[in-house]
């Protein structure tokens, strides 16, 4: 199967590498071609445009920053008629109403657009340990499940297009609360000089991802970016929008969003999400870029 992966950031690159390892012919495209070179070295075929990637592949998977980028690729970059008969899977971060609208537009052009929420990081995808939530027509469930099977340990269909994005809602809340909870715990531990043995026994096991987050926060080293502050800021915006639309209180979410916003203002945007701990440790710091 020829599979195009459009967007080769951390997640896109991990997915592409996993698909290569599963025996697929993988075509890759990134607006900055140099960012795809490592995948070319591992056997991927570099395309000069997103349109070429989609046209030359059997299916295409989009791993782009958001709905605007997806719309640019599908409705502007590709020539009229080029989507006819094409099957495309959106793995970009989009709101339910955005992907629903895009799917209708692609359908009118003769193509099919499904969605997938990728629930693990790039390293897990490389290792073929992917976990996916599908949003697609029931008639396409088997097709997309089989496409992802070589890199998946778990795939579930949440419903039609838009439902995978909706299914992320409780996960978004959980990831935000986990990161902020651990940041407060780490900041308190550093200020109060709490013994490491206490943290290891009672704090680390209490929060999902604690074994990963807490050491970075305690060492104040946020260079290993599995999920950046910028990405958490996007998660916070989506979580807030969803909370408002469902009538949930938003006050606590707004306060958490401020932590990510302040961390970005201090130059931590590209650092791991654990960098919000720095906002708590240095609450009066100015907003100049961090070296």
C-alpha atoms as a PDB file:
ATOM      1  CA  UNK A   1       0.000   0.000   0.000  1.00  0.00           C
ATOM      2  CA  UNK A   2       1.274   3.470  -0.890  1.00  0.00           C
ATOM      3  CA  UNK A   3       0.580   5.772   2.045  1.00  0.00           C
ATOM      4  CA  UNK A   4       1.315   9.499   1.999  1.00  0.00           C
ATOM      5  CA  UNK A   5       2.108  11.221   5.289  1.00  0.00           C
ATOM      6  CA  UNK A   6       1.751  14.971   4.938  1.00  0.00           C
ATOM      7  CA  UNK A   7       3.406  16.808   7.820  1.00  0.00           C
ATOM      8  CA  UNK A   8       6.520  15.293   9.365  1.00  0.00           C
ATOM      9  CA  UNK A   9       6.710  16.830  12.819  1.00  0.00           C
ATOM     10  CA  UNK A  10       7.201  14.584  15.851  1.00  0.00           C
ATOM     11  CA  UNK A  11       3.929  12.676  15.378  1.00  0.00           C
ATOM     12  CA  UNK A  12       3.978  12.602  11.571  1.00  0.00           C
ATOM     13  CA  UNK A  13       7.579  11.414  11.490  1.00  0.00           C
ATOM     14  CA  UNK A  14       6.879   8.713  14.070  1.00  0.00           C
ATOM     15  CA  UNK A  15       3.855   7.517  12.125  1.00  0.00           C
ATOM     16  CA  UNK A  16       5.753   7.503   8.829  1.00  0.00           C
ATOM     17  CA  UNK A  17       8.632   5.539  10.319  1.00  0.00           C
ATOM     18  CA  UNK A  18       6.253   3.012  11.835  1.00  0.00           C
ATOM     19  CA  UNK A  19       4.489   2.557   8.499  1.00  0.00           C
ATOM     20  CA  UNK A  20       7.823   2.058   6.735  1.00  0.00           C
ATOM     21  CA  UNK A  21       8.694  -0.586   9.294  1.00  0.00           C
ATOM     22  CA  UNK A  22       5.361  -2.273   8.596  1.00  0.00           C
ATOM     23  CA  UNK A  23       6.254  -2.769   4.942  1.00  0.00           C
ATOM     24  CA  UNK A  24       4.271   0.059   3.352  1.00  0.00           C
ATOM     25  CA  UNK A  25       5.602   2.321   0.625  1.00  0.00           C
ATOM     26  CA  UNK A  26       5.557   5.704   2.354  1.00  0.00           C
ATOM     27  CA  UNK A  27       5.493   9.052   0.593  1.00  0.00           C
ATOM     28  CA  UNK A  28       6.262  12.108   2.714  1.00  0.00           C
ATOM     29  CA  UNK A  29       5.806  15.828   2.306  1.00  0.00           C
ATOM     30  CA  UNK A  30       6.700  18.720   4.566  1.00  0.00           C
ATOM     31  CA  UNK A  31       6.732  22.403   3.694  1.00  0.00           C
ATOM     32  CA  UNK A  32      10.310  22.425   4.973  1.00  0.00           C
ATOM     33  CA  UNK A  33      11.767  19.549   2.972  1.00  0.00           C
ATOM     34  CA  UNK A  34      14.816  19.224   5.239  1.00  0.00           C
ATOM     35  CA  UNK A  35      12.525  18.088   8.057  1.00  0.00           C
ATOM     36  CA  UNK A  36      11.581  15.028   6.003  1.00  0.00           C
ATOM     37  CA  UNK A  37      15.128  14.066   5.044  1.00  0.00           C
ATOM     38  CA  UNK A  38      15.609  11.680   7.980  1.00  0.00           C
ATOM     39  CA  UNK A  39      12.577   9.720   6.764  1.00  0.00           C
ATOM     40  CA  UNK A  40      13.927   9.655   3.216  1.00  0.00           C
ATOM     41  CA  UNK A  41      17.137   8.190   4.623  1.00  0.00           C
ATOM     42  CA  UNK A  42      15.007   5.436   6.176  1.00  0.00           C
ATOM     43  CA  UNK A  43      13.258   4.587   2.924  1.00  0.00           C
ATOM     44  CA  UNK A  44      10.464   7.120   2.428  1.00  0.00           C
ATOM     45  CA  UNK A  45       9.884   8.811  -0.923  1.00  0.00           C
ATOM     46  CA  UNK A  46       9.983  12.618  -0.797  1.00  0.00           C
ATOM     47  CA  UNK A  47       7.221  14.498  -2.622  1.00  0.00           C
ATOM     48  CA  UNK A  48       7.621  18.076  -3.770  1.00  0.00           C
ATOM     49  CA  UNK A  49       4.046  19.068  -2.897  1.00  0.00           C
ATOM     50  CA  UNK A  50       1.089  17.879  -0.882  1.00  0.00           C
ATOM     51  CA  UNK A  51      -0.857  17.549  -4.124  1.00  0.00           C
ATOM     52  CA  UNK A  52       1.758  15.182  -5.550  1.00  0.00           C
ATOM     53  CA  UNK A  53       1.746  13.112  -2.354  1.00  0.00           C
ATOM     54  CA  UNK A  54      -2.042  12.713  -2.412  1.00  0.00           C
ATOM     55  CA  UNK A  55      -2.192  11.994  -6.133  1.00  0.00           C
ATOM     56  CA  UNK A  56       0.603   9.395  -6.092  1.00  0.00           C
ATOM     57  CA  UNK A  57      -0.550   7.522  -2.961  1.00  0.00           C
ATOM     58  CA  UNK A  58      -3.386   5.059  -2.390  1.00  0.00           C
ATOM     59  CA  UNK A  59      -4.316   6.900   0.809  1.00  0.00           C
ATOM     60  CA  UNK A  60      -3.057  10.029   2.551  1.00  0.00           C
ATOM     61  CA  UNK A  61      -2.744  10.869   6.238  1.00  0.00           C
ATOM     62  CA  UNK A  62      -2.583  14.544   7.211  1.00  0.00           C
ATOM     63  CA  UNK A  63      -0.602  15.438  10.345  1.00  0.00           C
ATOM     64  CA  UNK A  64      -0.769  19.226  10.233  1.00  0.00           C
ATOM     65  CA  UNK A  65      -0.994  22.026  12.843  1.00  0.00           C
ATOM     66  CA  UNK A  66      -4.735  22.607  12.574  1.00  0.00           C
ATOM     67  CA  UNK A  67      -7.874  23.046  10.495  1.00  0.00           C
ATOM     68  CA  UNK A  68      -6.529  26.025   8.549  1.00  0.00           C
ATOM     69  CA  UNK A  69      -3.543  23.993   7.320  1.00  0.00           C
ATOM     70  CA  UNK A  70      -5.792  21.036   6.441  1.00  0.00           C
ATOM     71  CA  UNK A  71      -8.115  23.302   4.476  1.00  0.00           C
ATOM     72  CA  UNK A  72      -5.157  24.861   2.666  1.00  0.00           C
ATOM     73  CA  UNK A  73      -3.900  21.452   1.546  1.00  0.00           C
ATOM     74  CA  UNK A  74      -7.249  19.922   0.596  1.00  0.00           C
ATOM     75  CA  UNK A  75      -9.099  22.872  -0.874  1.00  0.00           C
ATOM     76  CA  UNK A  76      -6.397  25.214  -2.170  1.00  0.00           C
ATOM     77  CA  UNK A  77      -3.120  23.420  -2.882  1.00  0.00           C
ATOM     78  CA  UNK A  78      -4.740  20.557  -4.782  1.00  0.00           C
ATOM     79  CA  UNK A  79      -6.138  21.230  -8.240  1.00  0.00           C
ATOM     80  CA  UNK A  80      -9.802  20.819  -9.144  1.00  0.00           C
ATOM     81  CA  UNK A  81     -10.797  17.172  -9.455  1.00  0.00           C
ATOM     82  CA  UNK A  82      -7.648  15.837  -7.790  1.00  0.00           C
ATOM     83  CA  UNK A  83      -9.577  14.578  -4.751  1.00  0.00           C
ATOM     84  CA  UNK A  84     -11.942  12.411  -6.761  1.00  0.00           C
ATOM     85  CA  UNK A  85     -11.770   8.844  -5.479  1.00  0.00           C
ATOM     86  CA  UNK A  86      -9.136   9.699  -2.846  1.00  0.00           C
ATOM     87  CA  UNK A  87      -9.289   8.435   0.722  1.00  0.00           C
ATOM     88  CA  UNK A  88      -7.776  10.801   3.262  1.00  0.00           C
ATOM     89  CA  UNK A  89      -7.342  10.454   7.020  1.00  0.00           C
ATOM     90  CA  UNK A  90      -6.990  13.622   9.082  1.00  0.00           C
ATOM     91  CA  UNK A  91      -4.723  13.239  12.113  1.00  0.00           C
ATOM     92  CA  UNK A  92      -4.351  16.991  12.585  1.00  0.00           C
ATOM     93  CA  UNK A  93      -5.756  18.827  15.599  1.00  0.00           C
ATOM     94  CA  UNK A  94      -9.228  19.992  14.578  1.00  0.00           C
ATOM     95  CA  UNK A  95     -12.484  20.760  16.332  1.00  0.00           C
ATOM     96  CA  UNK A  96     -15.459  18.471  15.600  1.00  0.00           C
ATOM     97  CA  UNK A  97     -17.329  21.114  13.620  1.00  0.00           C
ATOM     98  CA  UNK A  98     -14.186  21.919  11.594  1.00  0.00           C
ATOM     99  CA  UNK A  99     -13.545  18.341  10.495  1.00  0.00           C
ATOM    100  CA  UNK A 100     -17.261  17.777   9.822  1.00  0.00           C
ATOM    101  CA  UNK A 101     -17.317  20.803   7.499  1.00  0.00           C
ATOM    102  CA  UNK A 102     -14.122  19.745   5.744  1.00  0.00           C
ATOM    103  CA  UNK A 103     -15.438  16.205   5.255  1.00  0.00           C
ATOM    104  CA  UNK A 104     -18.547  17.552   3.526  1.00  0.00           C
ATOM    105  CA  UNK A 105     -16.458  19.737   1.219  1.00  0.00           C
ATOM    106  CA  UNK A 106     -14.131  16.866   0.325  1.00  0.00           C
ATOM    107  CA  UNK A 107     -17.164  14.638  -0.340  1.00  0.00           C
ATOM    108  CA  UNK A 108     -18.567  17.211  -2.765  1.00  0.00           C
ATOM    109  CA  UNK A 109     -15.253  17.014  -4.635  1.00  0.00           C
ATOM    110  CA  UNK A 110     -15.535  13.248  -4.919  1.00  0.00           C
ATOM    111  CA  UNK A 111     -13.181  12.269  -2.107  1.00  0.00           C
ATOM    112  CA  UNK A 112     -13.575  10.790   1.363  1.00  0.00           C
ATOM    113  CA  UNK A 113     -12.224  12.373   4.552  1.00  0.00           C
ATOM    114  CA  UNK A 114     -12.090  10.451   7.830  1.00  0.00           C
ATOM    115  CA  UNK A 115     -10.388  11.459  11.086  1.00  0.00           C
ATOM    116  CA  UNK A 116      -8.174   9.822  13.670  1.00  0.00           C
ATOM    117  CA  UNK A 117      -7.031  10.952  17.106  1.00  0.00           C
ATOM    118  CA  UNK A 118      -3.547   9.665  17.855  1.00  0.00           C
ATOM    119  CA  UNK A 119      -3.301   8.948  21.555  1.00  0.00           C
ATOM    120  CA  UNK A 120       0.455   8.283  21.864  1.00  0.00           C
ATOM    121  CA  UNK A 121       3.690  10.061  21.004  1.00  0.00           C
ATOM    122  CA  UNK A 122       6.094   9.761  18.119  1.00  0.00           C
ATOM    123  CA  UNK A 123       8.354   7.228  19.801  1.00  0.00           C
ATOM    124  CA  UNK A 124       5.464   4.831  20.405  1.00  0.00           C
ATOM    125  CA  UNK A 125       4.398   5.170  16.773  1.00  0.00           C
ATOM    126  CA  UNK A 126       7.916   4.330  15.602  1.00  0.00           C
ATOM    127  CA  UNK A 127       7.787   1.252  17.822  1.00  0.00           C
ATOM    128  CA  UNK A 128       4.402   0.263  16.326  1.00  0.00           C
ATOM    129  CA  UNK A 129       2.627   0.836  19.615  1.00  0.00           C
ATOM    130  CA  UNK A 130       0.046   3.272  18.298  1.00  0.00           C
ATOM    131  CA  UNK A 131      -3.348   3.870  19.882  1.00  0.00           C
ATOM    132  CA  UNK A 132      -6.033   5.431  17.713  1.00  0.00           C
ATOM    133  CA  UNK A 133      -9.603   6.712  17.938  1.00  0.00           C
ATOM    134  CA  UNK A 134     -11.288   6.677  14.531  1.00  0.00           C
ATOM    135  CA  UNK A 135     -14.060   8.924  13.292  1.00  0.00           C
ATOM    136  CA  UNK A 136     -15.380   7.597   9.996  1.00  0.00           C
ATOM    137  CA  UNK A 137     -18.388   6.138   8.225  1.00  0.00           C
ATOM    138  CA  UNK A 138     -19.097   2.605   9.400  1.00  0.00           C
ATOM    139  CA  UNK A 139     -18.419   1.349   5.869  1.00  0.00           C
ATOM    140  CA  UNK A 140     -14.805   2.556   6.154  1.00  0.00           C
ATOM    141  CA  UNK A 141     -14.045   1.244   9.645  1.00  0.00           C
ATOM    142  CA  UNK A 142     -12.414  -1.981   8.461  1.00  0.00           C
ATOM    143  CA  UNK A 143     -10.444  -0.177   5.756  1.00  0.00           C
ATOM    144  CA  UNK A 144      -8.866   2.375   8.096  1.00  0.00           C
ATOM    145  CA  UNK A 145      -8.365  -0.130  10.903  1.00  0.00           C
ATOM    146  CA  UNK A 146      -6.387  -2.318   8.514  1.00  0.00           C
ATOM    147  CA  UNK A 147      -4.318   0.648   7.287  1.00  0.00           C
ATOM    148  CA  UNK A 148      -3.322   1.433  10.867  1.00  0.00           C
ATOM    149  CA  UNK A 149      -2.993  -2.174  12.018  1.00  0.00           C
ATOM    150  CA  UNK A 150       0.738  -2.385  11.327  1.00  0.00           C
ATOM    151  CA  UNK A 151       1.488   0.383  13.818  1.00  0.00           C
ATOM    152  CA  UNK A 152      -1.394  -0.112  16.274  1.00  0.00           C
ATOM    153  CA  UNK A 153      -1.913  -1.940  19.525  1.00  0.00           C
ATOM    154  CA  UNK A 154      -5.393  -0.437  19.974  1.00  0.00           C
ATOM    155  CA  UNK A 155      -7.873   1.117  17.539  1.00  0.00           C
ATOM    156  CA  UNK A 156     -11.494   1.984  18.265  1.00  0.00           C
ATOM    157  CA  UNK A 157     -14.137   3.729  16.159  1.00  0.00           C
ATOM    158  CA  UNK A 158     -15.961   6.415  18.134  1.00  0.00           C
ATOM    159  CA  UNK A 159     -18.565   7.025  15.429  1.00  0.00           C
ATOM    160  CA  UNK A 160     -18.777   9.187  12.328  1.00  0.00           C
ATOM    161  CA  UNK A 161     -16.511  12.040  11.331  1.00  0.00           C
ATOM    162  CA  UNK A 162     -16.277  14.489  14.230  1.00  0.00           C
ATOM    163  CA  UNK A 163     -16.845  11.866  16.905  1.00  0.00           C
ATOM    164  CA  UNK A 164     -13.140  11.071  17.331  1.00  0.00           C
ATOM    165  CA  UNK A 165     -12.507  14.731  18.126  1.00  0.00           C
ATOM    166  CA  UNK A 166     -15.392  14.714  20.600  1.00  0.00           C
ATOM    167  CA  UNK A 167     -14.062  11.538  22.199  1.00  0.00           C
ATOM    168  CA  UNK A 168     -10.868  13.406  23.052  1.00  0.00           C
ATOM    169  CA  UNK A 169     -12.727  15.777  25.392  1.00  0.00           C
ATOM    170  CA  UNK A 170     -12.296  13.870  28.687  1.00  0.00           C
ATOM    171  CA  UNK A 171      -8.726  13.031  27.664  1.00  0.00           C
ATOM    172  CA  UNK A 172      -7.945  16.720  27.115  1.00  0.00           C
ATOM    173  CA  UNK A 173      -9.234  17.548  30.582  1.00  0.00           C
ATOM    174  CA  UNK A 174      -7.247  14.688  32.094  1.00  0.00           C
ATOM    175  CA  UNK A 175      -3.971  15.680  30.420  1.00  0.00           C
ATOM    176  CA  UNK A 176      -4.343  19.327  31.488  1.00  0.00           C
ATOM    177  CA  UNK A 177      -5.135  18.487  35.087  1.00  0.00           C
ATOM    178  CA  UNK A 178      -2.334  15.911  35.257  1.00  0.00           C
ATOM    179  CA  UNK A 179       0.309  18.346  34.020  1.00  0.00           C
ATOM    180  CA  UNK A 180      -0.836  21.189  36.286  1.00  0.00           C
ATOM    181  CA  UNK A 181      -1.210  18.888  39.304  1.00  0.00           C
ATOM    182  CA  UNK A 182       2.338  17.603  38.860  1.00  0.00           C
ATOM    183  CA  UNK A 183       3.685  21.139  38.354  1.00  0.00           C
ATOM    184  CA  UNK A 184       2.185  22.265  41.669  1.00  0.00           C
ATOM    185  CA  UNK A 185       3.498  19.136  43.392  1.00  0.00           C
ATOM    186  CA  UNK A 186       7.001  19.678  41.988  1.00  0.00           C
ATOM    187  CA  UNK A 187       7.051  23.372  42.851  1.00  0.00           C
ATOM    188  CA  UNK A 188       5.969  22.649  46.422  1.00  0.00           C
ATOM    189  CA  UNK A 189       8.520  19.830  46.727  1.00  0.00           C
ATOM    190  CA  UNK A 190      11.365  22.097  45.578  1.00  0.00           C
ATOM    191  CA  UNK A 191      10.375  24.957  47.875  1.00  0.00           C
ATOM    192  CA  UNK A 192       9.839  22.717  50.896  1.00  0.00           C
ATOM    193  CA  UNK A 193      12.786  20.390  50.227  1.00  0.00           C
ATOM    194  CA  UNK A 194      10.623  17.252  50.333  1.00  0.00           C
ATOM    195  CA  UNK A 195      12.646  13.991  50.421  1.00  0.00           C
ATOM    196  CA  UNK A 196      12.766  12.160  47.087  1.00  0.00           C
ATOM    197  CA  UNK A 197      11.591   8.930  48.750  1.00  0.00           C
ATOM    198  CA  UNK A 198       8.327  10.607  49.763  1.00  0.00           C
ATOM    199  CA  UNK A 199       7.738  11.868  46.220  1.00  0.00           C
ATOM    200  CA  UNK A 200       8.544   8.490  44.674  1.00  0.00           C
ATOM    201  CA  UNK A 201       6.160   6.616  46.928  1.00  0.00           C
ATOM    202  CA  UNK A 202       3.207   8.973  47.209  1.00  0.00           C
ATOM    203  CA  UNK A 203       3.299  11.590  44.455  1.00  0.00           C
ATOM    204  CA  UNK A 204       4.696   9.934  41.343  1.00  0.00           C
ATOM    205  CA  UNK A 205       2.184   7.027  41.307  1.00  0.00           C
ATOM    206  CA  UNK A 206      -0.789   9.325  41.926  1.00  0.00           C
ATOM    207  CA  UNK A 207      -0.771  11.148  38.574  1.00  0.00           C
ATOM    208  CA  UNK A 208      -0.689   9.584  35.101  1.00  0.00           C
ATOM    209  CA  UNK A 209       2.710  10.278  33.580  1.00  0.00           C
ATOM    210  CA  UNK A 210       4.170  11.271  36.925  1.00  0.00           C
ATOM    211  CA  UNK A 211       7.226   9.056  36.497  1.00  0.00           C
ATOM    212  CA  UNK A 212       8.008  11.030  33.332  1.00  0.00           C
ATOM    213  CA  UNK A 213       6.948  14.540  34.376  1.00  0.00           C
ATOM    214  CA  UNK A 214       8.220  14.831  37.928  1.00  0.00           C
ATOM    215  CA  UNK A 215      11.952  14.224  37.334  1.00  0.00           C
ATOM    216  CA  UNK A 216      11.992  16.846  34.553  1.00  0.00           C
ATOM    217  CA  UNK A 217      10.301  19.354  36.811  1.00  0.00           C
ATOM    218  CA  UNK A 218      12.552  18.629  39.785  1.00  0.00           C
ATOM    219  CA  UNK A 219      15.654  18.886  37.587  1.00  0.00           C
ATOM    220  CA  UNK A 220      14.159  21.942  35.841  1.00  0.00           C
ATOM    221  CA  UNK A 221      15.139  20.427  32.518  1.00  0.00           C
ATOM    222  CA  UNK A 222      12.385  20.641  29.907  1.00  0.00           C
ATOM    223  CA  UNK A 223      14.331  19.987  26.720  1.00  0.00           C
ATOM    224  CA  UNK A 224      12.809  16.593  25.867  1.00  0.00           C
ATOM    225  CA  UNK A 225       9.576  17.761  24.270  1.00  0.00           C
ATOM    226  CA  UNK A 226       7.091  14.920  23.964  1.00  0.00           C
ATOM    227  CA  UNK A 227       4.247  17.435  24.181  1.00  0.00           C
ATOM    228  CA  UNK A 228       5.277  21.088  24.099  1.00  0.00           C
ATOM    229  CA  UNK A 229       3.887  24.000  26.059  1.00  0.00           C
ATOM    230  CA  UNK A 230       2.536  25.277  22.721  1.00  0.00           C
ATOM    231  CA  UNK A 231       0.622  22.033  22.184  1.00  0.00           C
ATOM    232  CA  UNK A 232      -0.752  22.123  25.735  1.00  0.00           C
ATOM    233  CA  UNK A 233      -1.897  25.678  25.100  1.00  0.00           C
ATOM    234  CA  UNK A 234      -3.847  24.375  22.116  1.00  0.00           C
ATOM    235  CA  UNK A 235      -5.291  21.603  24.269  1.00  0.00           C
ATOM    236  CA  UNK A 236      -6.344  24.208  26.838  1.00  0.00           C
ATOM    237  CA  UNK A 237      -8.098  26.294  24.183  1.00  0.00           C
ATOM    238  CA  UNK A 238      -9.982  23.268  22.886  1.00  0.00           C
ATOM    239  CA  UNK A 239     -10.902  22.128  26.390  1.00  0.00           C
ATOM    240  CA  UNK A 240     -12.223  25.591  27.237  1.00  0.00           C
ATOM    241  CA  UNK A 241     -14.274  25.768  24.044  1.00  0.00           C
ATOM    242  CA  UNK A 242     -15.758  22.340  24.740  1.00  0.00           C
ATOM    243  CA  UNK A 243     -16.522  23.189  28.359  1.00  0.00           C
ATOM    244  CA  UNK A 244     -18.363  26.346  27.326  1.00  0.00           C
ATOM    245  CA  UNK A 245     -20.354  24.534  24.632  1.00  0.00           C
ATOM    246  CA  UNK A 246     -21.433  21.823  27.082  1.00  0.00           C
ATOM    247  CA  UNK A 247     -22.267  24.161  29.945  1.00  0.00           C
ATOM    248  CA  UNK A 248     -19.425  23.082  32.217  1.00  0.00           C
ATOM    249  CA  UNK A 249     -17.778  25.620  34.571  1.00  0.00           C
ATOM    250  CA  UNK A 250     -14.652  27.108  33.019  1.00  0.00           C
ATOM    251  CA  UNK A 251     -12.973  29.039  35.829  1.00  0.00           C
ATOM    252  CA  UNK A 252     -10.421  26.394  36.772  1.00  0.00           C
ATOM    253  CA  UNK A 253      -9.624  25.733  33.093  1.00  0.00           C
ATOM    254  CA  UNK A 254      -9.057  29.435  32.473  1.00  0.00           C
ATOM    255  CA  UNK A 255      -6.579  29.585  35.344  1.00  0.00           C
ATOM    256  CA  UNK A 256      -4.711  26.561  34.001  1.00  0.00           C
ATOM    257  CA  UNK A 257      -4.622  28.088  30.536  1.00  0.00           C
ATOM    258  CA  UNK A 258      -2.916  31.149  32.053  1.00  0.00           C
ATOM    259  CA  UNK A 259       0.001  28.956  33.172  1.00  0.00           C
ATOM    260  CA  UNK A 260       0.622  27.772  29.621  1.00  0.00           C
ATOM    261  CA  UNK A 261       0.183  31.301  28.238  1.00  0.00           C
ATOM    262  CA  UNK A 262       2.671  32.706  30.753  1.00  0.00           C
ATOM    263  CA  UNK A 263       5.165  29.933  30.006  1.00  0.00           C
ATOM    264  CA  UNK A 264       4.956  30.758  26.285  1.00  0.00           C
ATOM    265  CA  UNK A 265       5.483  34.447  27.035  1.00  0.00           C
ATOM    266  CA  UNK A 266       8.690  33.518  28.874  1.00  0.00           C
ATOM    267  CA  UNK A 267      10.049  31.638  25.873  1.00  0.00           C
ATOM    268  CA  UNK A 268       9.136  28.087  26.902  1.00  0.00           C
ATOM    269  CA  UNK A 269       6.685  27.423  24.052  1.00  0.00           C
ATOM    270  CA  UNK A 270       8.845  24.814  22.308  1.00  0.00           C
ATOM    271  CA  UNK A 271       9.873  23.178  25.599  1.00  0.00           C
ATOM    272  CA  UNK A 272       8.117  20.214  27.169  1.00  0.00           C
ATOM    273  CA  UNK A 273       4.832  20.974  28.926  1.00  0.00           C
ATOM    274  CA  UNK A 274       6.611  20.439  32.241  1.00  0.00           C
ATOM    275  CA  UNK A 275       8.051  23.950  31.790  1.00  0.00           C
ATOM    276  CA  UNK A 276       4.891  25.424  33.326  1.00  0.00           C
ATOM    277  CA  UNK A 277       6.527  24.502  36.622  1.00  0.00           C
ATOM    278  CA  UNK A 278       8.861  27.447  36.038  1.00  0.00           C
ATOM    279  CA  UNK A 279       5.923  29.856  36.158  1.00  0.00           C
ATOM    280  CA  UNK A 280       5.089  28.574  39.638  1.00  0.00           C
ATOM    281  CA  UNK A 281       8.693  28.642  40.833  1.00  0.00           C
ATOM    282  CA  UNK A 282       9.314  32.165  39.527  1.00  0.00           C
ATOM    283  CA  UNK A 283       5.884  33.837  39.573  1.00  0.00           C
ATOM    284  CA  UNK A 284       7.336  37.346  39.348  1.00  0.00           C
ATOM    285  CA  UNK A 285       9.647  36.641  36.405  1.00  0.00           C
ATOM    286  CA  UNK A 286       9.412  38.987  33.445  1.00  0.00           C
ATOM    287  CA  UNK A 287       8.231  37.806  30.033  1.00  0.00           C
ATOM    288  CA  UNK A 288      11.521  38.072  28.194  1.00  0.00           C
ATOM    289  CA  UNK A 289      12.499  35.050  26.135  1.00  0.00           C
ATOM    290  CA  UNK A 290      14.184  32.306  28.122  1.00  0.00           C
ATOM    291  CA  UNK A 291      17.683  31.476  26.869  1.00  0.00           C
END
